[in-house]
C-alpha cells in the first residue's frame, strides 16, 4: 500500500544497539539512488493529496451552488407576477411578450 521504494535485495548487516537502520548498511551510491526514489514517491503522494483536496473543494462548491440556485428558484416562484412586472426592465418585458 505504501509507495515508498523497497530495496530489491536483502541487506546482510550486523545488528547493534546503536544501529540507525538499513540505509547505514548499504553503499553510498545505493543509498543515494534509494533516497532519490523515496523523494519522488513522497512528492507523488503529496500531489495526490492536493488533487484529492481540490476535488473535495470542487464538489463542495458545486453542492453549494446547486443549493443556492434551488433557493433562488423557490423565491422567484413564490413572488407574485406583479412584483416581477415592476422589477423587470422594459427590454425584458418586450422579450417575454415576443416569445
Protein backbone atom coordinates (compact mmCIF):
# COMPACT_ATOMS: atom_id res chain seq x y z
CA UNK A 1 0.00 0.00 0.00
CA UNK A 2 2.85 2.35 0.76
CA UNK A 3 4.60 3.55 -2.37
CA UNK A 4 7.98 4.05 -0.73
CA UNK A 5 10.56 2.10 -2.73
CA UNK A 6 11.89 -1.02 -1.09
CA UNK A 7 15.39 -2.41 -1.65
CA UNK A 8 15.39 -5.24 -4.20
CA UNK A 9 17.80 -7.44 -2.25
CA UNK A 10 18.06 -8.23 1.40
CA UNK A 11 20.96 -6.50 3.05
CA UNK A 12 23.05 -8.58 5.39
CA UNK A 13 24.31 -6.40 8.18
CA UNK A 14 25.24 -6.78 11.79
CA UNK A 15 22.65 -5.64 14.26
CA UNK A 16 23.84 -3.47 17.08
CA UNK A 17 22.14 -1.39 19.71
CA UNK A 18 23.16 1.89 18.07
CA UNK A 19 22.09 0.91 14.53
CA UNK A 20 20.10 3.62 12.76
CA UNK A 21 18.62 1.44 10.03
CA UNK A 22 19.28 -0.47 6.85
CA UNK A 23 20.47 2.64 4.99
CA UNK A 24 23.64 2.68 7.06
CA UNK A 25 24.46 -0.85 5.89
CA UNK A 26 24.34 -0.17 2.13
CA UNK A 27 26.82 1.69 -0.05
CA UNK A 28 26.63 5.43 -0.56
CA UNK A 29 25.67 5.11 -4.23
CA UNK A 30 22.78 2.75 -3.47
CA UNK A 31 21.75 4.98 -0.58
CA UNK A 32 21.69 7.99 -2.92
CA UNK A 33 19.52 6.24 -5.54
CA UNK A 34 17.21 4.94 -2.82
CA UNK A 35 16.84 8.47 -1.41
CA UNK A 36 16.02 9.84 -4.89
CA UNK A 37 13.31 7.23 -5.43
CA UNK A 38 11.91 7.86 -1.94
CA UNK A 39 11.78 11.61 -2.58
CA UNK A 40 9.95 11.07 -5.88
CA UNK A 41 7.44 8.80 -4.14
CA UNK A 42 6.95 11.38 -1.39
CA UNK A 43 6.31 14.15 -3.93
CA UNK A 44 3.84 11.92 -5.76
CA UNK A 45 1.94 11.26 -2.52
CA UNK A 46 1.83 15.00 -1.78
CA UNK A 47 0.45 15.71 -5.26
CA UNK A 48 -2.22 13.03 -4.85
CA UNK A 49 -3.29 14.57 -1.54
CA UNK A 50 -3.51 18.03 -3.16
CA UNK A 51 -5.60 16.65 -6.02
CA UNK A 52 -7.99 14.96 -3.60
CA UNK A 53 -8.36 18.19 -1.63
CA UNK A 54 -9.10 20.20 -4.77
CA UNK A 55 -11.66 17.61 -5.87
CA UNK A 56 -13.35 17.81 -2.49
CA UNK A 57 -13.49 21.60 -2.62
CA UNK A 58 -14.87 21.50 -6.17
CA UNK A 59 -17.59 19.07 -5.13
CA UNK A 60 -18.42 21.21 -2.10
CA UNK A 61 -18.62 24.32 -4.30
CA UNK A 62 -20.90 22.56 -6.76
CA UNK A 63 -23.19 21.48 -3.94
CA UNK A 64 -23.41 24.99 -2.50
CA UNK A 65 -24.03 26.48 -5.97
CA UNK A 66 -26.76 23.94 -6.60
CA UNK A 67 -28.43 24.71 -3.27
CA UNK A 68 -28.27 28.47 -3.84
CA UNK A 69 -29.78 28.08 -7.33
CA UNK A 70 -32.60 26.00 -5.89
CA UNK A 71 -33.30 28.62 -3.24
CA UNK A 72 -33.39 31.38 -5.87
CA UNK A 73 -35.80 29.38 -7.98
CA UNK A 74 -38.09 28.84 -5.00
CA UNK A 75 -38.13 32.52 -4.09
CA UNK A 76 -38.93 33.53 -7.66
CA UNK A 77 -41.87 31.17 -7.90
CA UNK A 78 -43.37 32.33 -4.61
CA UNK A 79 -43.37 36.01 -5.60
CA UNK A 80 -46.35 37.37 -7.42
CA UNK A 81 -46.36 38.30 -11.11
CA UNK A 82 -47.00 41.93 -10.18
CA UNK A 83 -43.70 42.08 -8.27
CA UNK A 84 -41.93 40.69 -11.33
CA UNK A 85 -43.63 43.22 -13.60
CA UNK A 86 -42.45 46.20 -11.56
CA UNK A 87 -38.87 44.97 -11.16
CA UNK A 88 -38.07 43.98 -14.74
CA UNK A 89 -36.65 46.23 -17.41
CA UNK A 90 -38.58 47.28 -20.47
CA UNK A 91 -36.38 45.22 -22.79
CA UNK A 92 -37.01 42.07 -20.76
CA UNK A 93 -40.77 42.76 -20.84
CA UNK A 94 -40.67 43.06 -24.61
CA UNK A 95 -38.62 39.86 -24.95
CA UNK A 96 -41.07 37.93 -22.79
CA UNK A 97 -44.04 39.25 -24.78
CA UNK A 98 -42.43 38.34 -28.12
CA UNK A 99 -41.55 34.79 -27.11
